[in-house]
Amino acid sequence: MTDFSFTYVRSSKKNKARLGVLKTPNGTIQTPAFIFCATKAAMKAVSPQDMVGAGTQMILSNTYHLMLQPGPEVVAAAGGLHKFMGWKGPMLTDSGGFQIFSLGHGSVADEIKGKRQNVRPKTLLKINEEGAKFKSYINGQTYLLTPERSVEIQRLLGPDFAVVLDECTPFHVDKRYTERSTRMSHRWALRSLNEFKKHDNGKQKLYGIIQGGVYEDLRKESCDFVNSHEFYGHAVGGSLGASKEQMYDVVAMTTELLSSERPIHLLGIGGIRDIFNGVAQGIDTFDCVHPTRLARHGGALVKPHNMPDDSRREHINLRNSRYRADFTPIESDCDCSTCTTFTKGYIHHLLKAQELLAHTLITVHNVRYMNRLLEAIRQAIHDDRLEEEAKNWLVD
C-alpha cells in the first residue's frame, strides 16, 4: 500500500474548482492549498512551530540554494530536510530550474508585475543539452546542474515531492527559442524521470513541468508530453505572459489539457486574485514568496473591508505614520497570535525602531491570512459559492 494518494471531488458546474486530499508519508494536505517558501531550509523570521500554529500544511525549499549552502550531503547526514529544519509536515523542493531562468534573464515577477531594474550580477555561464553551468553567488565556484544531479540532490534533501529540471523561458524570447527550450526541457524531464526511477524507494514522488511559454500549440505539446509519462503530478511553469489577463488565459488553456487524475501545482504565483482564478481553473496548490517577503517590508495582508478607505491594494504598509497611534489589530476578525495580542501601533513602533520582532509578527499574520484564505476557498467550493467568496477578499 502506497503512502501517497490524491483524490478529489468537484462540486460545481460553473468552473473547474475541486476539493482534494493529497496524502504523503509526512501528512495530508487538504487542497486547494498554499505552499510557503522556506527557500534555504528556513521560513524567514518565523519557526516551524509558528507555521504550524498559523495553520500551514506544506512548505517548499530550494534545490539551487541548498546545493550551494550547506550542500545536499550535509542535509542528508542530518536525516533530510524534515529533521534538519524541524518541519514535520509535507515538503516539496523545486529543481533549480527557476534559478537558471532568473540568473540568465531576470525575475518572472518582473514580467507579470512590471519591469524593475535587476541589479544582481548574472552568474549563468551556459545552458545546453547537458545542463546549466553557473558560478556560485557565494564564492564564485563553478557548478554544472544536470537533470540527473538535480534529482540526486532532491533525493538527498528528502522532500515528499521533487520536480524535474527545466529551463523556464522568459516572455521576451521568440517562439523559436521557446520551442527549442521546451523540447530540451522535455528531454531533461525524461532524464530526470529515469534518474528518479533508479533510486525510487517509495518515499518521494516526482512532478513533471509544463512549459511552452504563451504559445497554445507548445503548451499542448508539453501537456501531452507530461500526461504520457509517469509523473505523479503536474507543475505549470514557464512564462505565463506579460499581463494578468494573458497569464489567466495561459493557465486556463494549460489546465484544460492536463490529466485531471493528478494534482496540479502552479509555480511561483500567489496573488489573491491569481489564486481565485487558478482555483476556478482546477489548480490544486500554489507557491509564492510574496506573503513572507511583503511582511519583511512592513506589508500586512488585509481583506478589503479592513483597509483604509483610500487604499486600493491587497495590503497595508505598517510603516506609514497613520498607524503610529492605531491601537487596533491588523485585522479584528483574524485569529492569528499577532492579531489577538498586538496592535498596529505597536508593530509600527517596532518597524521604526528596527526591532526584528516586527518581521516575525507581520509574517505570522500574513501566513495565517493565506491559510484563512485557502480555508475559505475550500469551504466555498464545498458550498458552490466560489464567486461570491471572492468578493470578500478581492479589491474591486
Protein backbone atom coordinates (compact mmCIF):
# COMPACT_ATOMS: atom_id res chain seq x y z
CA MET A 1 0.00 0.00 0.00
CA THR A 2 1.44 3.36 -1.04
CA ASP A 3 1.89 6.28 1.35
CA PHE A 4 0.90 8.65 -1.47
CA SER A 5 -2.55 9.24 -2.90
CA PHE A 6 -4.60 12.01 -4.47
CA THR A 7 -8.37 12.08 -4.58
CA TYR A 8 -10.69 14.94 -5.48
CA VAL A 9 -14.32 15.91 -5.93
CA ARG A 10 -15.94 18.69 -7.93
CA SER A 11 -18.99 20.42 -6.54
CA SER A 12 -19.87 22.89 -9.28
CA LYS A 13 -20.70 23.05 -12.96
CA LYS A 14 -19.76 26.74 -13.03
CA ASN A 15 -16.00 26.17 -13.02
CA LYS A 16 -13.27 23.54 -12.62
CA ALA A 17 -12.57 24.16 -8.92
CA ARG A 18 -12.16 20.99 -6.91
CA LEU A 19 -11.66 19.81 -3.34
CA GLY A 20 -8.82 17.35 -2.97
CA VAL A 21 -6.93 15.27 -0.43
CA LEU A 22 -3.21 14.83 -1.14
CA LYS A 23 -1.67 12.20 1.15
CA THR A 24 2.08 11.89 1.75
CA PRO A 25 4.26 9.94 4.20
CA ASN A 26 4.61 13.14 6.25
CA GLY A 27 1.00 14.22 6.39
CA THR A 28 -2.12 15.05 4.42
CA ILE A 29 -2.87 18.25 2.54
CA GLN A 30 -6.40 19.49 2.01
CA THR A 31 -6.50 21.19 -1.39
CA PRO A 32 -6.64 23.81 -2.77
CA ALA A 33 -3.66 24.77 -0.60
CA PHE A 34 -0.90 27.36 -0.42
CA ILE A 35 2.71 26.21 -0.07
CA PHE A 36 5.05 28.61 1.72
CA CYS A 37 8.65 29.09 0.59
CA ALA A 38 11.34 28.08 3.08
CA THR A 39 13.91 28.75 0.37
CA LYS A 40 17.10 27.99 2.30
CA ALA A 41 15.52 25.43 4.66
CA ALA A 42 14.12 28.19 6.85
CA MET A 43 10.99 30.30 6.95
CA LYS A 44 12.37 33.81 7.21
CA ALA A 45 11.57 35.40 10.60
CA VAL A 46 9.42 32.54 11.94
CA SER A 47 9.86 28.98 13.23
CA PRO A 48 8.23 25.77 12.03
CA GLN A 49 6.11 25.91 15.19
CA ASP A 50 4.88 29.38 14.17
CA MET A 51 3.95 27.99 10.75
CA VAL A 52 2.01 25.11 12.27
CA GLY A 53 0.25 27.47 14.67
CA ALA A 54 -0.87 29.57 11.71
CA GLY A 55 -2.41 26.54 10.02
CA THR A 56 0.27 25.76 7.42
CA GLN A 57 0.02 22.39 5.68
CA MET A 58 3.08 22.33 3.42
CA ILE A 59 6.32 24.19 2.70
CA LEU A 60 8.84 24.36 -0.14
CA SER A 61 12.63 24.54 -0.19
CA ASN A 62 15.03 25.36 -2.99
CA THR A 63 17.42 22.91 -4.63
CA TYR A 64 19.64 25.60 -6.13
CA HIS A 65 20.35 27.40 -2.86
CA LEU A 66 20.73 24.26 -0.76
CA MET A 67 23.16 22.67 -3.20
CA LEU A 68 25.43 25.69 -2.62
CA GLN A 69 24.91 26.02 1.14
CA PRO A 70 25.15 23.81 3.18
CA GLY A 71 25.26 21.14 0.44
CA PRO A 72 22.84 18.24 -0.03
CA GLU A 73 25.20 15.71 1.56
CA VAL A 74 25.16 17.71 4.81
CA VAL A 75 21.35 17.77 4.82
CA ALA A 76 21.25 14.03 4.12
CA ALA A 77 23.66 13.38 7.01
CA ALA A 78 21.24 15.27 9.27
CA GLY A 79 18.42 12.94 8.25
CA GLY A 80 16.94 15.01 5.43
CA LEU A 81 15.24 18.38 5.35
CA HIS A 82 12.47 17.43 7.76
CA LYS A 83 14.88 16.65 10.58
CA PHE A 84 17.43 19.27 9.56
CA MET A 85 14.96 22.15 9.90
CA GLY A 86 12.46 20.67 12.33
CA TRP A 87 9.47 20.54 9.96
CA LYS A 88 7.17 17.54 10.41
CA GLY A 89 4.72 18.11 7.57
CA PRO A 90 4.76 17.57 3.79
CA MET A 91 7.51 19.25 1.77
CA LEU A 92 8.31 19.98 -1.86
CA THR A 93 11.59 21.02 -3.44
CA ASP A 94 11.90 22.78 -6.75
CA SER A 95 14.57 21.65 -9.19
CA GLY A 96 16.74 24.73 -9.59
CA GLY A 97 15.20 25.44 -12.99
CA PHE A 98 13.64 28.72 -11.96
CA GLN A 99 17.02 29.92 -10.71
CA ILE A 100 18.52 29.03 -14.11
CA PHE A 101 15.94 31.35 -15.61
CA SER A 102 16.31 34.19 -13.14
CA LEU A 103 20.11 34.07 -13.25
CA GLY A 104 20.07 34.24 -17.03
CA HIS A 105 17.15 36.54 -17.74
CA GLY A 106 15.82 38.19 -14.56
CA SER A 107 12.74 37.51 -12.47
CA VAL A 108 9.48 36.18 -13.92
CA ALA A 109 7.77 38.54 -11.49
CA ASP A 110 9.20 41.44 -13.50
CA GLU A 111 7.11 40.35 -16.46
CA ILE A 112 3.86 39.94 -14.55
CA LYS A 113 4.16 42.79 -12.07
CA GLY A 114 6.04 45.39 -14.09
CA LYS A 115 9.64 45.92 -15.02
CA ARG A 116 12.20 46.89 -12.44
CA GLN A 117 15.96 47.13 -12.58
CA ASN A 118 17.72 43.88 -11.78
CA VAL A 119 20.98 44.74 -10.03
CA ARG A 120 22.02 41.16 -9.32
CA PRO A 121 25.11 40.02 -11.22
CA LYS A 122 24.43 37.46 -13.93
CA THR A 123 26.18 34.27 -12.84
CA LEU A 124 24.81 31.92 -15.50
CA LEU A 125 27.59 30.79 -17.82
CA LYS A 126 25.89 28.42 -20.26
CA ILE A 127 22.73 26.39 -20.84
CA ASN A 128 22.93 23.47 -23.25
CA GLU A 129 21.72 19.90 -23.63
CA GLU A 130 23.95 18.72 -20.81
CA GLY A 131 22.58 21.15 -18.23
CA ALA A 132 23.22 24.59 -16.77
CA LYS A 133 26.69 25.83 -15.93
CA PHE A 134 26.90 28.72 -13.48
CA LYS A 135 29.02 30.39 -10.83
CA SER A 136 28.05 30.27 -7.17
CA TYR A 137 26.87 33.63 -5.87
CA ILE A 138 28.54 32.66 -2.56
CA ASN A 139 32.15 32.01 -3.56
CA GLY A 140 32.35 32.09 -7.37
CA GLN A 141 32.85 28.33 -7.70
CA THR A 142 31.63 26.85 -10.99
CA TYR A 143 28.82 24.26 -10.92
CA LEU A 144 27.08 22.17 -13.55
CA LEU A 145 23.47 21.36 -12.72
CA THR A 146 22.23 18.47 -14.87
CA PRO A 147 18.82 16.76 -14.72
CA GLU A 148 20.44 13.78 -13.03
CA ARG A 149 22.24 15.90 -10.45
CA SER A 150 19.08 17.89 -9.69
CA VAL A 151 17.15 14.69 -8.94
CA GLU A 152 20.08 13.32 -6.91
CA ILE A 153 20.18 16.49 -4.82
CA GLN A 154 16.44 16.35 -4.22
CA ARG A 155 16.71 12.70 -3.20
CA LEU A 156 19.38 13.64 -0.66
CA LEU A 157 17.29 16.54 0.62
CA GLY A 158 14.40 14.11 1.14
CA PRO A 159 11.17 16.08 0.46
CA ASP A 160 7.90 14.31 -0.27
CA PHE A 161 7.75 15.82 -3.75
CA ALA A 162 10.59 16.54 -6.17
CA VAL A 163 10.43 18.34 -9.51
CA VAL A 164 12.16 17.70 -12.85
CA LEU A 165 14.82 20.11 -14.05
CA ASP A 166 13.63 22.54 -16.72
CA GLU A 167 14.55 25.83 -18.31
CA CYS A 168 11.98 28.50 -17.52
CA THR A 169 11.90 30.70 -20.61
CA PRO A 170 11.22 34.45 -20.29
CA PHE A 171 8.44 36.22 -22.16
CA HIS A 172 10.71 38.35 -24.32
CA VAL A 173 12.28 35.43 -26.24
CA ASP A 174 10.71 34.45 -29.56
CA LYS A 175 8.70 31.35 -30.36
CA ARG A 176 11.64 29.60 -32.00
CA TYR A 177 13.69 29.86 -28.79
CA THR A 178 10.69 28.80 -26.70
CA GLU A 179 10.13 25.77 -28.92
CA ARG A 180 13.75 24.64 -28.68
CA SER A 181 13.81 25.22 -24.94
CA THR A 182 10.52 23.39 -24.36
CA ARG A 183 11.72 20.31 -26.21
CA MET A 184 15.06 20.39 -24.40
CA SER A 185 13.13 20.61 -21.11
CA HIS A 186 11.18 17.51 -22.20
CA ARG A 187 14.43 15.65 -22.80
CA TRP A 188 15.68 16.87 -19.42
CA ALA A 189 12.42 15.66 -17.86
CA LEU A 190 12.92 12.15 -19.26
CA ARG A 191 16.48 12.12 -17.90
CA SER A 192 15.13 13.33 -14.55
CA LEU A 193 12.48 10.59 -14.55
CA ASN A 194 14.99 7.88 -15.44
CA GLU A 195 17.33 9.01 -12.66
CA PHE A 196 14.41 9.13 -10.21
CA LYS A 197 13.37 5.56 -11.07
CA LYS A 198 16.88 4.22 -10.43
CA HIS A 199 16.64 5.10 -6.73
CA ASP A 200 12.88 5.11 -6.17
CA ASN A 201 12.22 3.78 -2.65
CA GLY A 202 8.60 4.89 -2.45
CA LYS A 203 9.33 7.85 -0.16
CA GLN A 204 9.17 10.52 -2.87
CA LYS A 205 7.12 11.37 -5.93
CA LEU A 206 8.20 13.35 -8.99
CA TYR A 207 6.32 16.19 -10.67
CA GLY A 208 6.65 16.97 -14.36
CA ILE A 209 6.70 20.60 -15.52
CA ILE A 210 4.62 22.07 -18.34
CA GLN A 211 6.47 24.62 -20.47
CA GLY A 212 5.64 26.25 -23.80
CA GLY A 213 5.50 29.92 -22.91
CA VAL A 214 2.40 31.75 -24.14
CA TYR A 215 2.05 29.59 -27.26
CA GLU A 216 -1.01 27.35 -27.31
CA ASP A 217 0.48 24.72 -29.61
CA LEU A 218 3.64 24.44 -27.48
CA ARG A 219 1.60 24.28 -24.27
CA LYS A 220 -0.47 21.48 -25.81
CA GLU A 221 2.70 19.64 -26.85
CA SER A 222 4.07 19.99 -23.33
CA CYS A 223 0.81 18.84 -21.71
CA ASP A 224 0.70 15.81 -24.00
CA PHE A 225 4.29 15.00 -23.04
CA VAL A 226 3.71 15.20 -19.29
CA ASN A 227 0.40 13.32 -19.49
CA SER A 228 2.05 10.44 -21.33
CA HIS A 229 4.82 9.81 -18.79
CA GLU A 230 4.88 8.50 -15.23
CA PHE A 231 4.92 11.74 -13.30
CA TYR A 232 2.91 11.86 -10.09
CA GLY A 233 1.76 15.44 -10.54
CA HIS A 234 1.77 18.40 -12.91
CA ALA A 235 3.58 21.69 -12.27
CA VAL A 236 2.57 24.57 -14.53
CA GLY A 237 5.74 26.57 -15.20
CA GLY A 238 7.42 28.81 -17.71
CA SER A 239 6.46 32.29 -18.80
CA LEU A 240 2.76 32.91 -18.27
CA GLY A 241 2.66 36.14 -20.20
CA ALA A 242 3.21 39.89 -19.94
CA SER A 243 -0.06 40.72 -18.17
CA LYS A 244 -2.50 39.24 -15.68
CA GLU A 245 -5.05 38.64 -18.43
CA GLN A 246 -2.56 36.72 -20.55
CA MET A 247 -1.45 34.71 -17.53
CA TYR A 248 -5.06 33.69 -16.82
CA ASP A 249 -5.51 32.64 -20.46
CA VAL A 250 -2.34 30.54 -20.40
CA VAL A 251 -3.31 28.85 -17.12
CA ALA A 252 -6.80 28.10 -18.46
CA MET A 253 -5.54 26.60 -21.73
CA THR A 254 -3.00 24.50 -19.82
CA THR A 255 -5.25 23.04 -17.12
CA GLU A 256 -7.83 22.15 -19.75
CA LEU A 257 -5.30 19.83 -21.38
CA LEU A 258 -3.87 18.14 -18.28
CA SER A 259 -4.88 14.77 -16.87
CA SER A 260 -7.24 15.60 -14.01
CA GLU A 261 -6.30 12.48 -12.04
CA ARG A 262 -3.02 14.09 -10.96
CA PRO A 263 -2.53 17.06 -8.59
CA ILE A 264 -1.83 20.32 -10.42
CA HIS A 265 0.58 22.92 -9.00
CA LEU A 266 1.01 26.49 -10.25
CA LEU A 267 4.63 27.53 -9.75
CA GLY A 268 5.50 30.89 -8.21
CA ILE A 269 2.07 32.53 -8.26
CA GLY A 270 0.45 33.83 -5.07
CA GLY A 271 -1.61 36.99 -5.63
CA ILE A 272 -5.11 36.84 -4.15
CA ARG A 273 -6.88 37.36 -7.49
CA ASP A 274 -4.44 34.93 -9.13
CA ILE A 275 -5.35 32.25 -6.60
CA PHE A 276 -9.08 32.64 -7.12
CA ASN A 277 -8.57 32.47 -10.89
CA GLY A 278 -6.30 29.44 -10.61
CA VAL A 279 -8.66 27.57 -8.30
CA ALA A 280 -11.52 28.15 -10.75
CA GLN A 281 -9.32 26.60 -13.47
CA GLY A 282 -8.58 23.47 -11.41
CA ILE A 283 -5.26 24.37 -9.74
CA ASP A 284 -4.73 22.40 -6.52
CA THR A 285 -1.64 24.04 -4.99
CA PHE A 286 0.22 27.34 -5.26
CA ASP A 287 3.55 28.66 -4.00
CA CYS A 288 4.99 32.15 -3.78
CA VAL A 289 7.39 34.17 -1.63
CA HIS A 290 5.05 37.18 -1.72
CA PRO A 291 3.29 36.86 1.69
CA THR A 292 6.50 36.49 3.68
CA ARG A 293 8.60 38.88 1.58
CA LEU A 294 5.88 41.52 1.91
CA ALA A 295 5.95 41.12 5.69
CA ARG A 296 9.66 41.92 5.85
CA HIS A 297 8.91 45.26 4.19
CA GLY A 298 6.17 46.15 6.67
CA GLY A 299 3.26 44.99 4.49
CA ALA A 300 0.34 43.23 6.16
CA LEU A 301 -2.25 41.42 4.05
CA VAL A 302 -5.82 42.56 4.79
CA LYS A 303 -9.26 41.97 3.32
CA PRO A 304 -10.90 44.95 1.56
CA HIS A 305 -13.29 45.77 4.41
CA ASN A 306 -10.30 46.09 6.75
CA MET A 307 -8.45 48.57 4.52
CA PRO A 308 -8.38 52.36 4.90
CA ASP A 309 -10.90 53.99 2.58
CA ASP A 310 -8.15 55.45 0.40
CA SER A 311 -6.27 52.17 -0.07
CA ARG A 312 -6.89 50.02 -3.12
CA ARG A 313 -4.24 47.36 -2.54
CA GLU A 314 -4.22 43.89 -1.01
CA HIS A 315 -2.15 45.07 1.95
CA ILE A 316 -1.43 47.96 4.28
CA ASN A 317 2.04 49.35 4.99
CA LEU A 318 2.52 49.45 8.74
CA ARG A 319 5.49 51.81 8.35
CA ASN A 320 3.06 54.60 7.45
CA SER A 321 2.63 57.29 10.10
CA ARG A 322 -1.14 56.83 10.08
CA TYR A 323 -0.61 53.70 12.22
CA ARG A 324 1.57 55.35 14.88
CA ALA A 325 -1.29 55.63 17.36
CA ASP A 326 -3.59 52.94 15.93
CA PHE A 327 -4.16 50.55 18.82
CA THR A 328 -6.31 48.06 16.91
CA PRO A 329 -5.14 44.71 15.49
CA ILE A 330 -4.11 44.33 11.87
CA GLU A 331 -7.49 42.62 11.33
CA SER A 332 -10.09 42.40 14.05
CA ASP A 333 -11.53 39.21 12.57
CA CYS A 334 -8.15 37.42 12.34
CA ASP A 335 -7.39 34.68 14.89
CA CYS A 336 -3.59 34.69 14.49
CA SER A 337 -1.37 35.17 17.54
CA THR A 338 -0.32 38.60 16.25
CA CYS A 339 -3.82 39.98 15.86
CA THR A 340 -5.04 38.55 19.16
CA THR A 341 -2.12 40.09 21.08
CA PHE A 342 -0.61 43.13 19.36
CA THR A 343 -1.74 46.36 17.69
CA LYS A 344 -0.82 48.15 14.51
CA GLY A 345 0.63 50.96 16.61
CA TYR A 346 2.99 48.61 18.41
CA ILE A 347 4.14 46.96 15.19
CA HIS A 348 4.65 50.41 13.64
CA HIS A 349 6.88 51.24 16.62
CA LEU A 350 8.87 48.01 16.15
CA LEU A 351 9.42 48.79 12.47
CA LYS A 352 10.61 52.33 13.21
CA ALA A 353 12.87 51.03 15.98
CA GLN A 354 14.21 48.36 13.62
CA GLU A 355 13.27 45.59 16.02
CA LEU A 356 13.34 42.15 14.39
CA LEU A 357 10.16 41.18 16.22
CA ALA A 358 8.21 43.30 13.74
CA HIS A 359 9.07 40.94 10.90
CA THR A 360 8.03 37.91 12.95
CA LEU A 361 4.67 39.41 13.94
CA ILE A 362 3.72 40.52 10.42
CA THR A 363 4.91 37.24 8.89
CA VAL A 364 2.77 35.24 11.33
CA HIS A 365 -0.25 37.33 10.33
CA ASN A 366 0.42 37.04 6.58
CA VAL A 367 0.88 33.28 6.82
CA ARG A 368 -2.36 32.94 8.75
CA TYR A 369 -4.08 35.25 6.26
CA MET A 370 -3.11 32.99 3.35
CA ASN A 371 -4.20 29.89 5.22
CA ARG A 372 -7.52 31.51 6.17
CA LEU A 373 -7.96 32.46 2.50
CA LEU A 374 -7.49 28.87 1.34
CA GLU A 375 -9.72 27.57 4.16
CA ALA A 376 -12.45 29.95 2.97
CA ILE A 377 -11.90 28.89 -0.64
CA ARG A 378 -12.24 25.20 0.27
CA GLN A 379 -15.47 25.90 2.13
CA ALA A 380 -16.76 27.99 -0.79
CA ILE A 381 -16.04 25.16 -3.24
CA HIS A 382 -17.91 22.79 -0.95
CA ASP A 383 -20.87 25.19 -0.84
CA ASP A 384 -20.61 26.04 -4.57
CA ARG A 385 -20.20 29.76 -3.92
CA LEU A 386 -16.63 30.47 -5.05
CA GLU A 387 -17.50 33.62 -6.99
CA GLU A 388 -19.37 35.04 -4.01
CA GLU A 389 -16.48 34.27 -1.65
CA ALA A 390 -14.04 36.08 -3.93
CA LYS A 391 -15.85 39.36 -3.22
CA ASN A 392 -14.80 39.09 0.46
CA TRP A 393 -11.11 39.04 -0.46
CA LEU A 394 -10.63 41.00 -3.67
CA VAL A 395 -10.26 44.73 -4.15
CA ASP A 396 -12.74 45.94 -6.77
